[in-house]
Amino acid sequence: MALLGLVLVGGALVALPGKTAFRVRGLFLATLVGPAQSSSRTFLARIVTPEREGEAFGLYATTGRAVGFLGPLAFSGFIALFDTQRAGLAGSTVVLLVGLVALLPIRPPESVR
């Protein structure tokens, strides 16, 4: 839900005009980042088998660092393409949307440990 909220608010940041509204949506966006990060770790802990937790969290940390360039690259790339900073926010929102789409087919296990 936090990731969906990030995508929706990010889209609203790009689409809707006005400085005050932009700041309010930006603050709302900032409140969703922490829950998205913490829930991703919790979800990983729920879906990984107990014997493979170290491997899964190691891969989680490594991929986080490896793809950490995508947000800034999309931000600056969209600014270069469209010549406006608002378009940069669209680039970052696209990265979040790709992550959301990649996460959709993953289902948690039925039993809770």
PDB file of N, CA and C in Angstrom:
ATOM      1  N   MET A   1       0.822  -1.191   0.000  1.00  0.00           N
ATOM      2  CA  MET A   1       0.000   0.000   0.000  1.00  0.00           C
ATOM      3  C   MET A   1       0.871   1.262   0.000  1.00  0.00           C
ATOM      4  N   ALA A   2       1.985   1.211   0.730  1.00  0.00           N
ATOM      5  CA  ALA A   2       2.871   2.386   0.758  1.00  0.00           C
ATOM      6  C   ALA A   2       3.481   2.635  -0.619  1.00  0.00           C
ATOM      7  N   LEU A   3       3.858   1.580  -1.304  1.00  0.00           N
ATOM      8  CA  LEU A   3       4.426   1.732  -2.642  1.00  0.00           C
ATOM      9  C   LEU A   3       3.379   2.262  -3.617  1.00  0.00           C
ATOM     10  N   LEU A   4       2.174   1.769  -3.509  1.00  0.00           N
ATOM     11  CA  LEU A   4       1.086   2.292  -4.336  1.00  0.00           C
ATOM     12  C   LEU A   4       0.854   3.769  -4.027  1.00  0.00           C
ATOM     13  N   GLY A   5       0.887   4.129  -2.751  1.00  0.00           N
ATOM     14  CA  GLY A   5       0.748   5.529  -2.365  1.00  0.00           C
ATOM     15  C   GLY A   5       1.854   6.391  -2.932  1.00  0.00           C
ATOM     16  N   LEU A   6       3.085   5.879  -2.925  1.00  0.00           N
ATOM     17  CA  LEU A   6       4.210   6.621  -3.505  1.00  0.00           C
ATOM     18  C   LEU A   6       3.995   6.873  -4.990  1.00  0.00           C
ATOM     19  N   VAL A   7       3.502   5.869  -5.698  1.00  0.00           N
ATOM     20  CA  VAL A   7       3.256   6.017  -7.131  1.00  0.00           C
ATOM     21  C   VAL A   7       2.130   7.022  -7.382  1.00  0.00           C
ATOM     22  N   LEU A   8       1.047   6.907  -6.622  1.00  0.00           N
ATOM     23  CA  LEU A   8      -0.088   7.815  -6.821  1.00  0.00           C
ATOM     24  C   LEU A   8       0.261   9.263  -6.474  1.00  0.00           C
ATOM     25  N   VAL A   9       0.919   9.464  -5.337  1.00  0.00           N
ATOM     26  CA  VAL A   9       1.292  10.829  -4.944  1.00  0.00           C
ATOM     27  C   VAL A   9       2.359  11.367  -5.890  1.00  0.00           C
ATOM     28  N   GLY A  10       3.280  10.515  -6.324  1.00  0.00           N
ATOM     29  CA  GLY A  10       4.283  10.941  -7.300  1.00  0.00           C
ATOM     30  C   GLY A  10       3.642  11.395  -8.597  1.00  0.00           C
ATOM     31  N   GLY A  11       2.641  10.663  -9.044  1.00  0.00           N
ATOM     32  CA  GLY A  11       1.909  11.067 -10.246  1.00  0.00           C
ATOM     33  C   GLY A  11       1.182  12.383 -10.042  1.00  0.00           C
ATOM     34  N   ALA A  12       0.614  12.566  -8.860  1.00  0.00           N
ATOM     35  CA  ALA A  12      -0.069  13.827  -8.560  1.00  0.00           C
ATOM     36  C   ALA A  12       0.918  14.988  -8.506  1.00  0.00           C
ATOM     37  N   LEU A  13       2.113  14.732  -8.016  1.00  0.00           N
ATOM     38  CA  LEU A  13       3.142  15.783  -7.982  1.00  0.00           C
ATOM     39  C   LEU A  13       3.465  16.285  -9.378  1.00  0.00           C
ATOM     40  N   VAL A  14       3.483  15.375 -10.309  1.00  0.00           N
ATOM     41  CA  VAL A  14       3.811  15.732 -11.688  1.00  0.00           C
ATOM     42  C   VAL A  14       2.642  16.442 -12.359  1.00  0.00           C
ATOM     43  N   ALA A  15       1.438  15.947 -12.121  1.00  0.00           N
ATOM     44  CA  ALA A  15       0.282  16.398 -12.890  1.00  0.00           C
ATOM     45  C   ALA A  15      -0.359  17.688 -12.389  1.00  0.00           C
ATOM     46  N   LEU A  16      -0.418  17.879 -11.093  1.00  0.00           N
ATOM     47  CA  LEU A  16      -1.182  18.995 -10.548  1.00  0.00           C
ATOM     48  C   LEU A  16      -0.304  20.223 -10.306  1.00  0.00           C
ATOM     49  N   PRO A  17      -0.758  21.411 -10.689  1.00  0.00           N
ATOM     50  CA  PRO A  17       0.050  22.623 -10.556  1.00  0.00           C
ATOM     51  C   PRO A  17      -0.062  23.266  -9.169  1.00  0.00           C
ATOM     52  N   GLY A  18       0.797  24.252  -8.926  1.00  0.00           N
ATOM     53  CA  GLY A  18       0.734  25.054  -7.714  1.00  0.00           C
ATOM     54  C   GLY A  18       1.840  24.726  -6.731  1.00  0.00           C
ATOM     55  N   LYS A  19       2.520  25.775  -6.233  1.00  0.00           N
ATOM     56  CA  LYS A  19       3.639  25.564  -5.300  1.00  0.00           C
ATOM     57  C   LYS A  19       3.187  25.016  -3.961  1.00  0.00           C
ATOM     58  N   THR A  20       2.124  25.580  -3.406  1.00  0.00           N
ATOM     59  CA  THR A  20       1.663  25.120  -2.094  1.00  0.00           C
ATOM     60  C   THR A  20       1.183  23.681  -2.172  1.00  0.00           C
ATOM     61  N   ALA A  21       0.402  23.362  -3.182  1.00  0.00           N
ATOM     62  CA  ALA A  21      -0.070  21.993  -3.351  1.00  0.00           C
ATOM     63  C   ALA A  21       1.106  21.043  -3.586  1.00  0.00           C
ATOM     64  N   PHE A  22       2.109  21.507  -4.305  1.00  0.00           N
ATOM     65  CA  PHE A  22       3.307  20.710  -4.557  1.00  0.00           C
ATOM     66  C   PHE A  22       4.012  20.385  -3.237  1.00  0.00           C
ATOM     67  N   ARG A  23       4.124  21.370  -2.375  1.00  0.00           N
ATOM     68  CA  ARG A  23       4.787  21.154  -1.083  1.00  0.00           C
ATOM     69  C   ARG A  23       3.997  20.197  -0.202  1.00  0.00           C
ATOM     70  N   VAL A  24       2.689  20.340  -0.197  1.00  0.00           N
ATOM     71  CA  VAL A  24       1.850  19.452   0.606  1.00  0.00           C
ATOM     72  C   VAL A  24       1.964  18.017   0.107  1.00  0.00           C
ATOM     73  N   ARG A  25       1.895  17.824  -1.196  1.00  0.00           N
ATOM     74  CA  ARG A  25       2.033  16.471  -1.752  1.00  0.00           C
ATOM     75  C   ARG A  25       3.436  15.931  -1.506  1.00  0.00           C
ATOM     76  N   GLY A  26       4.438  16.803  -1.563  1.00  0.00           N
ATOM     77  CA  GLY A  26       5.806  16.378  -1.283  1.00  0.00           C
ATOM     78  C   GLY A  26       5.961  15.886   0.147  1.00  0.00           C
ATOM     79  N   LEU A  27       5.342  16.580   1.095  1.00  0.00           N
ATOM     80  CA  LEU A  27       5.382  16.129   2.491  1.00  0.00           C
ATOM     81  C   LEU A  27       4.669  14.791   2.661  1.00  0.00           C
ATOM     82  N   PHE A  28       3.542  14.639   1.973  1.00  0.00           N
ATOM     83  CA  PHE A  28       2.818  13.371   2.036  1.00  0.00           C
ATOM     84  C   PHE A  28       3.662  12.248   1.432  1.00  0.00           C
ATOM     85  N   LEU A  29       4.337  12.546   0.356  1.00  0.00           N
ATOM     86  CA  LEU A  29       5.227  11.572  -0.274  1.00  0.00           C
ATOM     87  C   LEU A  29       6.329  11.151   0.695  1.00  0.00           C
ATOM     88  N   ALA A  30       6.882  12.115   1.409  1.00  0.00           N
ATOM     89  CA  ALA A  30       7.953  11.826   2.360  1.00  0.00           C
ATOM     90  C   ALA A  30       7.469  10.932   3.506  1.00  0.00           C
ATOM     91  N   THR A  31       6.197  11.059   3.883  1.00  0.00           N
ATOM     92  CA  THR A  31       5.686  10.210   4.962  1.00  0.00           C
ATOM     93  C   THR A  31       5.494   8.761   4.528  1.00  0.00           C
ATOM     94  N   LEU A  32       5.500   8.497   3.241  1.00  0.00           N
ATOM     95  CA  LEU A  32       5.301   7.134   2.742  1.00  0.00           C
ATOM     96  C   LEU A  32       6.608   6.367   2.542  1.00  0.00           C
ATOM     97  N   VAL A  33       7.722   7.059   2.515  1.00  0.00           N
ATOM     98  CA  VAL A  33       9.000   6.393   2.240  1.00  0.00           C
ATOM     99  C   VAL A  33       9.380   5.425   3.360  1.00  0.00           C
ATOM    100  N   GLY A  34       9.295   5.848   4.597  1.00  0.00           N
ATOM    101  CA  GLY A  34       9.636   4.988   5.732  1.00  0.00           C
ATOM    102  C   GLY A  34       8.786   3.731   5.791  1.00  0.00           C
ATOM    103  N   PRO A  35       7.454   3.863   5.715  1.00  0.00           N
ATOM    104  CA  PRO A  35       6.633   2.653   5.718  1.00  0.00           C
ATOM    105  C   PRO A  35       6.930   1.715   4.542  1.00  0.00           C
ATOM    106  N   ALA A  36       7.244   2.259   3.388  1.00  0.00           N
ATOM    107  CA  ALA A  36       7.571   1.401   2.238  1.00  0.00           C
ATOM    108  C   ALA A  36       8.848   0.612   2.512  1.00  0.00           C
ATOM    109  N   GLN A  37       9.845   1.264   3.089  1.00  0.00           N
ATOM    110  CA  GLN A  37      11.104   0.568   3.383  1.00  0.00           C
ATOM    111  C   GLN A  37      10.920  -0.490   4.463  1.00  0.00           C
ATOM    112  N   SER A  38      10.251  -0.138   5.543  1.00  0.00           N
ATOM    113  CA  SER A  38      10.097  -1.099   6.638  1.00  0.00           C
ATOM    114  C   SER A  38       9.186  -2.259   6.244  1.00  0.00           C
ATOM    115  N   SER A  39       8.140  -1.989   5.497  1.00  0.00           N
ATOM    116  CA  SER A  39       7.248  -3.079   5.099  1.00  0.00           C
ATOM    117  C   SER A  39       7.925  -4.011   4.099  1.00  0.00           C
ATOM    118  N   SER A  40       8.850  -3.494   3.300  1.00  0.00           N
ATOM    119  CA  SER A  40       9.556  -4.376   2.364  1.00  0.00           C
ATOM    120  C   SER A  40      10.425  -5.375   3.118  1.00  0.00           C
ATOM    121  N   ARG A  41      11.065  -4.931   4.181  1.00  0.00           N
ATOM    122  CA  ARG A  41      11.876  -5.854   4.984  1.00  0.00           C
ATOM    123  C   ARG A  41      10.990  -6.882   5.692  1.00  0.00           C
ATOM    124  N   THR A  42       9.875  -6.423   6.219  1.00  0.00           N
ATOM    125  CA  THR A  42       8.951  -7.328   6.903  1.00  0.00           C
ATOM    126  C   THR A  42       8.387  -8.356   5.930  1.00  0.00           C
ATOM    127  N   PHE A  43       8.021  -7.911   4.736  1.00  0.00           N
ATOM    128  CA  PHE A  43       7.483  -8.825   3.733  1.00  0.00           C
ATOM    129  C   PHE A  43       8.535  -9.857   3.337  1.00  0.00           C
ATOM    130  N   LEU A  44       9.780  -9.428   3.169  1.00  0.00           N
ATOM    131  CA  LEU A  44      10.839 -10.374   2.833  1.00  0.00           C
ATOM    132  C   LEU A  44      11.001 -11.406   3.943  1.00  0.00           C
ATOM    133  N   ALA A  45      10.937 -10.969   5.181  1.00  0.00           N
ATOM    134  CA  ALA A  45      11.057 -11.906   6.303  1.00  0.00           C
ATOM    135  C   ALA A  45       9.906 -12.917   6.301  1.00  0.00           C
ATOM    136  N   ARG A  46       8.741 -12.520   5.834  1.00  0.00           N
ATOM    137  CA  ARG A  46       7.596 -13.433   5.783  1.00  0.00           C
ATOM    138  C   ARG A  46       7.690 -14.444   4.651  1.00  0.00           C
ATOM    139  N   ILE A  47       8.277 -14.051   3.523  1.00  0.00           N
ATOM    140  CA  ILE A  47       8.257 -14.957   2.368  1.00  0.00           C
ATOM    141  C   ILE A  47       9.479 -15.859   2.261  1.00  0.00           C
ATOM    142  N   VAL A  48      10.549 -15.538   2.955  1.00  0.00           N
ATOM    143  CA  VAL A  48      11.764 -16.336   2.843  1.00  0.00           C
ATOM    144  C   VAL A  48      11.712 -17.516   3.816  1.00  0.00           C
ATOM    145  N   THR A  49      12.281 -18.638   3.391  1.00  0.00           N
ATOM    146  CA  THR A  49      12.346 -19.800   4.283  1.00  0.00           C
ATOM    147  C   THR A  49      13.388 -19.530   5.364  1.00  0.00           C
ATOM    148  N   PRO A  50      13.177 -20.060   6.567  1.00  0.00           N
ATOM    149  CA  PRO A  50      14.087 -19.768   7.681  1.00  0.00           C
ATOM    150  C   PRO A  50      15.546 -20.128   7.402  1.00  0.00           C
ATOM    151  N   GLU A  51      15.787 -21.167   6.607  1.00  0.00           N
ATOM    152  CA  GLU A  51      17.173 -21.571   6.331  1.00  0.00           C
ATOM    153  C   GLU A  51      17.893 -20.596   5.408  1.00  0.00           C
ATOM    154  N   ARG A  52      17.155 -19.779   4.697  1.00  0.00           N
ATOM    155  CA  ARG A  52      17.761 -18.915   3.676  1.00  0.00           C
ATOM    156  C   ARG A  52      17.653 -17.430   4.006  1.00  0.00           C
ATOM    157  N   GLU A  53      17.381 -17.082   5.251  1.00  0.00           N
ATOM    158  CA  GLU A  53      17.206 -15.676   5.624  1.00  0.00           C
ATOM    159  C   GLU A  53      18.463 -14.851   5.376  1.00  0.00           C
ATOM    160  N   GLY A  54      19.613 -15.363   5.757  1.00  0.00           N
ATOM    161  CA  GLY A  54      20.866 -14.626   5.551  1.00  0.00           C
ATOM    162  C   GLY A  54      21.123 -14.356   4.079  1.00  0.00           C
ATOM    163  N   GLU A  55      20.910 -15.369   3.266  1.00  0.00           N
ATOM    164  CA  GLU A  55      21.093 -15.225   1.821  1.00  0.00           C
ATOM    165  C   GLU A  55      20.108 -14.205   1.235  1.00  0.00           C
ATOM    166  N   ALA A  56      18.852 -14.285   1.651  1.00  0.00           N
ATOM    167  CA  ALA A  56      17.828 -13.394   1.108  1.00  0.00           C
ATOM    168  C   ALA A  56      18.089 -11.946   1.507  1.00  0.00           C
ATOM    169  N   PHE A  57      18.423 -11.706   2.768  1.00  0.00           N
ATOM    170  CA  PHE A  57      18.663 -10.332   3.191  1.00  0.00           C
ATOM    171  C   PHE A  57      19.975  -9.790   2.636  1.00  0.00           C
ATOM    172  N   GLY A  58      20.953 -10.660   2.417  1.00  0.00           N
ATOM    173  CA  GLY A  58      22.184 -10.236   1.750  1.00  0.00           C
ATOM    174  C   GLY A  58      21.920  -9.816   0.314  1.00  0.00           C
ATOM    175  N   LEU A  59      21.106 -10.603  -0.390  1.00  0.00           N
ATOM    176  CA  LEU A  59      20.725 -10.259  -1.757  1.00  0.00           C
ATOM    177  C   LEU A  59      19.896  -8.977  -1.781  1.00  0.00           C
ATOM    178  N   TYR A  60      19.011  -8.813  -0.802  1.00  0.00           N
ATOM    179  CA  TYR A  60      18.184  -7.608  -0.680  1.00  0.00           C
ATOM    180  C   TYR A  60      19.074  -6.362  -0.544  1.00  0.00           C
ATOM    181  N   ALA A  61      20.065  -6.441   0.326  1.00  0.00           N
ATOM    182  CA  ALA A  61      20.965  -5.303   0.525  1.00  0.00           C
ATOM    183  C   ALA A  61      21.822  -5.037  -0.713  1.00  0.00           C
ATOM    184  N   THR A  62      22.312  -6.102  -1.336  1.00  0.00           N
ATOM    185  CA  THR A  62      23.158  -5.949  -2.517  1.00  0.00           C
ATOM    186  C   THR A  62      22.385  -5.358  -3.689  1.00  0.00           C
ATOM    187  N   THR A  63      21.189  -5.860  -3.945  1.00  0.00           N
ATOM    188  CA  THR A  63      20.412  -5.323  -5.058  1.00  0.00           C
ATOM    189  C   THR A  63      19.974  -3.895  -4.777  1.00  0.00           C
ATOM    190  N   GLY A  64      19.710  -3.572  -3.523  1.00  0.00           N
ATOM    191  CA  GLY A  64      19.359  -2.191  -3.175  1.00  0.00           C
ATOM    192  C   GLY A  64      20.475  -1.227  -3.532  1.00  0.00           C
ATOM    193  N   ARG A  65      21.699  -1.635  -3.263  1.00  0.00           N
ATOM    194  CA  ARG A  65      22.851  -0.786  -3.614  1.00  0.00           C
ATOM    195  C   ARG A  65      23.097  -0.789  -5.129  1.00  0.00           C
ATOM    196  N   ALA A  66      22.890  -1.926  -5.748  1.00  0.00           N
ATOM    197  CA  ALA A  66      23.176  -2.051  -7.175  1.00  0.00           C
ATOM    198  C   ALA A  66      22.211  -1.236  -8.035  1.00  0.00           C
ATOM    199  N   VAL A  67      20.964  -1.136  -7.623  1.00  0.00           N
ATOM    200  CA  VAL A  67      19.986  -0.388  -8.422  1.00  0.00           C
ATOM    201  C   VAL A  67      19.714   0.998  -7.847  1.00  0.00           C
ATOM    202  N   GLY A  68      20.480   1.394  -6.856  1.00  0.00           N
ATOM    203  CA  GLY A  68      20.312   2.705  -6.247  1.00  0.00           C
ATOM    204  C   GLY A  68      20.547   3.862  -7.208  1.00  0.00           C
ATOM    205  N   PHE A  69      21.144   3.590  -8.335  1.00  0.00           N
ATOM    206  CA  PHE A  69      21.390   4.634  -9.325  1.00  0.00           C
ATOM    207  C   PHE A  69      20.169   4.890 -10.209  1.00  0.00           C
ATOM    208  N   LEU A  70      19.189   3.976 -10.211  1.00  0.00           N
ATOM    209  CA  LEU A  70      18.061   4.099 -11.140  1.00  0.00           C
ATOM    210  C   LEU A  70      17.198   5.332 -10.888  1.00  0.00           C
ATOM    211  N   GLY A  71      16.903   5.631  -9.634  1.00  0.00           N
ATOM    212  CA  GLY A  71      16.085   6.807  -9.324  1.00  0.00           C
ATOM    213  C   GLY A  71      16.744   8.104  -9.784  1.00  0.00           C
ATOM    214  N   PRO A  72      17.996   8.360  -9.366  1.00  0.00           N
ATOM    215  CA  PRO A  72      18.663   9.579  -9.832  1.00  0.00           C
ATOM    216  C   PRO A  72      18.863   9.611 -11.349  1.00  0.00           C
ATOM    217  N   LEU A  73      19.124   8.456 -11.958  1.00  0.00           N
ATOM    218  CA  LEU A  73      19.289   8.410 -13.407  1.00  0.00           C
ATOM    219  C   LEU A  73      17.972   8.755 -14.114  1.00  0.00           C
ATOM    220  N   ALA A  74      16.875   8.183 -13.637  1.00  0.00           N
ATOM    221  CA  ALA A  74      15.569   8.493 -14.236  1.00  0.00           C
ATOM    222  C   ALA A  74      15.213   9.959 -14.007  1.00  0.00           C
ATOM    223  N   PHE A  75      15.499  10.464 -12.809  1.00  0.00           N
ATOM    224  CA  PHE A  75      15.213  11.867 -12.498  1.00  0.00           C
ATOM    225  C   PHE A  75      15.950  12.793 -13.466  1.00  0.00           C
ATOM    226  N   SER A  76      17.260  12.609 -13.557  1.00  0.00           N
ATOM    227  CA  SER A  76      18.053  13.488 -14.429  1.00  0.00           C
ATOM    228  C   SER A  76      17.769  13.231 -15.911  1.00  0.00           C
ATOM    229  N   GLY A  77      17.494  11.992 -16.271  1.00  0.00           N
ATOM    230  CA  GLY A  77      17.179  11.681 -17.666  1.00  0.00           C
ATOM    231  C   GLY A  77      15.883  12.338 -18.124  1.00  0.00           C
ATOM    232  N   PHE A  78      14.864  12.299 -17.286  1.00  0.00           N
ATOM    233  CA  PHE A  78      13.592  12.934 -17.644  1.00  0.00           C
ATOM    234  C   PHE A  78      13.727  14.451 -17.690  1.00  0.00           C
ATOM    235  N   ILE A  79      14.560  15.013 -16.810  1.00  0.00           N
ATOM    236  CA  ILE A  79      14.805  16.462 -16.864  1.00  0.00           C
ATOM    237  C   ILE A  79      15.493  16.817 -18.178  1.00  0.00           C
ATOM    238  N   ALA A  80      16.472  16.015 -18.568  1.00  0.00           N
ATOM    239  CA  ALA A  80      17.177  16.272 -19.825  1.00  0.00           C
ATOM    240  C   ALA A  80      16.241  16.134 -21.028  1.00  0.00           C
ATOM    241  N   LEU A  81      15.352  15.166 -20.983  1.00  0.00           N
ATOM    242  CA  LEU A  81      14.430  14.941 -22.095  1.00  0.00           C
ATOM    243  C   LEU A  81      13.362  16.029 -22.214  1.00  0.00           C
ATOM    244  N   PHE A  82      12.805  16.427 -21.078  1.00  0.00           N
ATOM    245  CA  PHE A  82      11.648  17.322 -21.101  1.00  0.00           C
ATOM    246  C   PHE A  82      11.953  18.748 -20.648  1.00  0.00           C
ATOM    247  N   ASP A  83      13.174  18.989 -20.201  1.00  0.00           N
ATOM    248  CA  ASP A  83      13.635  20.323 -19.823  1.00  0.00           C
ATOM    249  C   ASP A  83      12.804  20.971 -18.710  1.00  0.00           C
ATOM    250  N   THR A  84      12.386  20.170 -17.743  1.00  0.00           N
ATOM    251  CA  THR A  84      11.686  20.691 -16.569  1.00  0.00           C
ATOM    252  C   THR A  84      11.914  19.752 -15.389  1.00  0.00           C
ATOM    253  N   GLN A  85      12.051  20.318 -14.196  1.00  0.00           N
ATOM    254  CA  GLN A  85      12.273  19.488 -13.018  1.00  0.00           C
ATOM    255  C   GLN A  85      11.049  18.652 -12.661  1.00  0.00           C
ATOM    256  N   ARG A  86       9.892  19.131 -13.004  1.00  0.00           N
ATOM    257  CA  ARG A  86       8.671  18.374 -12.732  1.00  0.00           C
ATOM    258  C   ARG A  86       8.708  17.034 -13.478  1.00  0.00           C
ATOM    259  N   ALA A  87       9.293  17.027 -14.665  1.00  0.00           N
ATOM    260  CA  ALA A  87       9.436  15.786 -15.422  1.00  0.00           C
ATOM    261  C   ALA A  87      10.393  14.836 -14.704  1.00  0.00           C
ATOM    262  N   GLY A  88      11.365  15.376 -13.991  1.00  0.00           N
ATOM    263  CA  GLY A  88      12.262  14.531 -13.211  1.00  0.00           C
ATOM    264  C   GLY A  88      11.510  13.705 -12.185  1.00  0.00           C
ATOM    265  N   LEU A  89      10.487  14.310 -11.581  1.00  0.00           N
ATOM    266  CA  LEU A  89       9.663  13.559 -10.636  1.00  0.00           C
ATOM    267  C   LEU A  89       8.916  12.436 -11.333  1.00  0.00           C
ATOM    268  N   ALA A  90       8.546  12.645 -12.576  1.00  0.00           N
ATOM    269  CA  ALA A  90       7.896  11.578 -13.346  1.00  0.00           C
ATOM    270  C   ALA A  90       8.858  10.406 -13.537  1.00  0.00           C
ATOM    271  N   GLY A  91      10.128  10.699 -13.776  1.00  0.00           N
ATOM    272  CA  GLY A  91      11.122   9.638 -13.927  1.00  0.00           C
ATOM    273  C   GLY A  91      11.249   8.801 -12.669  1.00  0.00           C
ATOM    274  N   SER A  92      11.305   9.462 -11.522  1.00  0.00           N
ATOM    275  CA  SER A  92      11.378   8.737 -10.255  1.00  0.00           C
ATOM    276  C   SER A  92      10.117   7.930 -10.007  1.00  0.00           C
ATOM    277  N   THR A  93       8.981   8.475 -10.397  1.00  0.00           N
ATOM    278  CA  THR A  93       7.709   7.768 -10.230  1.00  0.00           C
ATOM    279  C   THR A  93       7.657   6.537 -11.124  1.00  0.00           C
ATOM    280  N   VAL A  94       8.234   6.613 -12.306  1.00  0.00           N
ATOM    281  CA  VAL A  94       8.287   5.450 -13.202  1.00  0.00           C
ATOM    282  C   VAL A  94       9.091   4.323 -12.556  1.00  0.00           C
ATOM    283  N   VAL A  95      10.205   4.651 -11.906  1.00  0.00           N
ATOM    284  CA  VAL A  95      11.014   3.633 -11.225  1.00  0.00           C
ATOM    285  C   VAL A  95      10.188   2.967 -10.127  1.00  0.00           C
ATOM    286  N   LEU A  96       9.433   3.762  -9.359  1.00  0.00           N
ATOM    287  CA  LEU A  96       8.578   3.198  -8.311  1.00  0.00           C
ATOM    288  C   LEU A  96       7.485   2.314  -8.910  1.00  0.00           C
ATOM    289  N   LEU A  97       6.922   2.734 -10.025  1.00  0.00           N
ATOM    290  CA  LEU A  97       5.872   1.963 -10.683  1.00  0.00           C
ATOM    291  C   LEU A  97       6.408   0.622 -11.183  1.00  0.00           C
ATOM    292  N   VAL A  98       7.602   0.610 -11.727  1.00  0.00           N
ATOM    293  CA  VAL A  98       8.217  -0.647 -12.176  1.00  0.00           C
ATOM    294  C   VAL A  98       8.398  -1.587 -10.980  1.00  0.00           C
ATOM    295  N   GLY A  99       8.834  -1.045  -9.853  1.00  0.00           N
ATOM    296  CA  GLY A  99       8.971  -1.861  -8.646  1.00  0.00           C
ATOM    297  C   GLY A  99       7.643  -2.418  -8.172  1.00  0.00           C
ATOM    298  N   LEU A 100       6.599  -1.605  -8.231  1.00  0.00           N
ATOM    299  CA  LEU A 100       5.266  -2.058  -7.832  1.00  0.00           C
ATOM    300  C   LEU A 100       4.779  -3.178  -8.748  1.00  0.00           C
ATOM    301  N   VAL A 101       4.961  -3.019 -10.037  1.00  0.00           N
ATOM    302  CA  VAL A 101       4.535  -4.043 -10.998  1.00  0.00           C
ATOM    303  C   VAL A 101       5.322  -5.333 -10.781  1.00  0.00           C
ATOM    304  N   ALA A 102       6.607  -5.223 -10.482  1.00  0.00           N
ATOM    305  CA  ALA A 102       7.424  -6.416 -10.225  1.00  0.00           C
ATOM    306  C   ALA A 102       6.991  -7.125  -8.946  1.00  0.00           C
ATOM    307  N   LEU A 103       6.457  -6.388  -7.997  1.00  0.00           N
ATOM    308  CA  LEU A 103       6.048  -6.960  -6.717  1.00  0.00           C
ATOM    309  C   LEU A 103       4.668  -7.613  -6.762  1.00  0.00           C
ATOM    310  N   LEU A 104       3.816  -7.202  -7.681  1.00  0.00           N
ATOM    311  CA  LEU A 104       2.430  -7.680  -7.714  1.00  0.00           C
ATOM    312  C   LEU A 104       2.264  -9.202  -7.779  1.00  0.00           C
ATOM    313  N   PRO A 105       3.061  -9.937  -8.554  1.00  0.00           N
ATOM    314  CA  PRO A 105       2.826 -11.390  -8.605  1.00  0.00           C
ATOM    315  C   PRO A 105       3.293 -12.149  -7.366  1.00  0.00           C
ATOM    316  N   ILE A 106       4.016 -11.508  -6.471  1.00  0.00           N
ATOM    317  CA  ILE A 106       4.545 -12.194  -5.290  1.00  0.00           C
ATOM    318  C   ILE A 106       3.473 -12.227  -4.213  1.00  0.00           C
ATOM    319  N   ARG A 107       3.182 -13.406  -3.735  1.00  0.00           N
ATOM    320  CA  ARG A 107       2.156 -13.589  -2.709  1.00  0.00           C
ATOM    321  C   ARG A 107       2.797 -14.097  -1.425  1.00  0.00           C
ATOM    322  N   PRO A 108       2.336 -13.597  -0.283  1.00  0.00           N
ATOM    323  CA  PRO A 108       2.874 -14.100   0.988  1.00  0.00           C
ATOM    324  C   PRO A 108       2.383 -15.519   1.268  1.00  0.00           C
ATOM    325  N   PRO A 109       3.099 -16.258   2.080  1.00  0.00           N
ATOM    326  CA  PRO A 109       2.639 -17.608   2.426  1.00  0.00           C
ATOM    327  C   PRO A 109       1.365 -17.538   3.259  1.00  0.00           C
ATOM    328  N   GLU A 110       0.597 -18.602   3.224  1.00  0.00           N
ATOM    329  CA  GLU A 110      -0.658 -18.653   3.966  1.00  0.00           C
ATOM    330  C   GLU A 110      -0.429 -18.660   5.474  1.00  0.00           C
ATOM    331  N   SER A 111       0.572 -19.395   5.923  1.00  0.00           N
ATOM    332  CA  SER A 111       0.821 -19.493   7.359  1.00  0.00           C
ATOM    333  C   SER A 111       1.740 -18.370   7.814  1.00  0.00           C
ATOM    334  N   VAL A 112       1.511 -17.914   9.023  1.00  0.00           N
ATOM    335  CA  VAL A 112       2.354 -16.874   9.618  1.00  0.00           C
ATOM    336  C   VAL A 112       3.267 -17.556  10.625  1.00  0.00           C
ATOM    337  N   ARG A 113       4.577 -17.241  10.525  1.00  0.00           N
ATOM    338  CA  ARG A 113       5.544 -17.872  11.435  1.00  0.00           C
ATOM    339  C   ARG A 113       5.474 -17.242  12.791  1.00  0.00           C
TER     340      ARG A 113
END
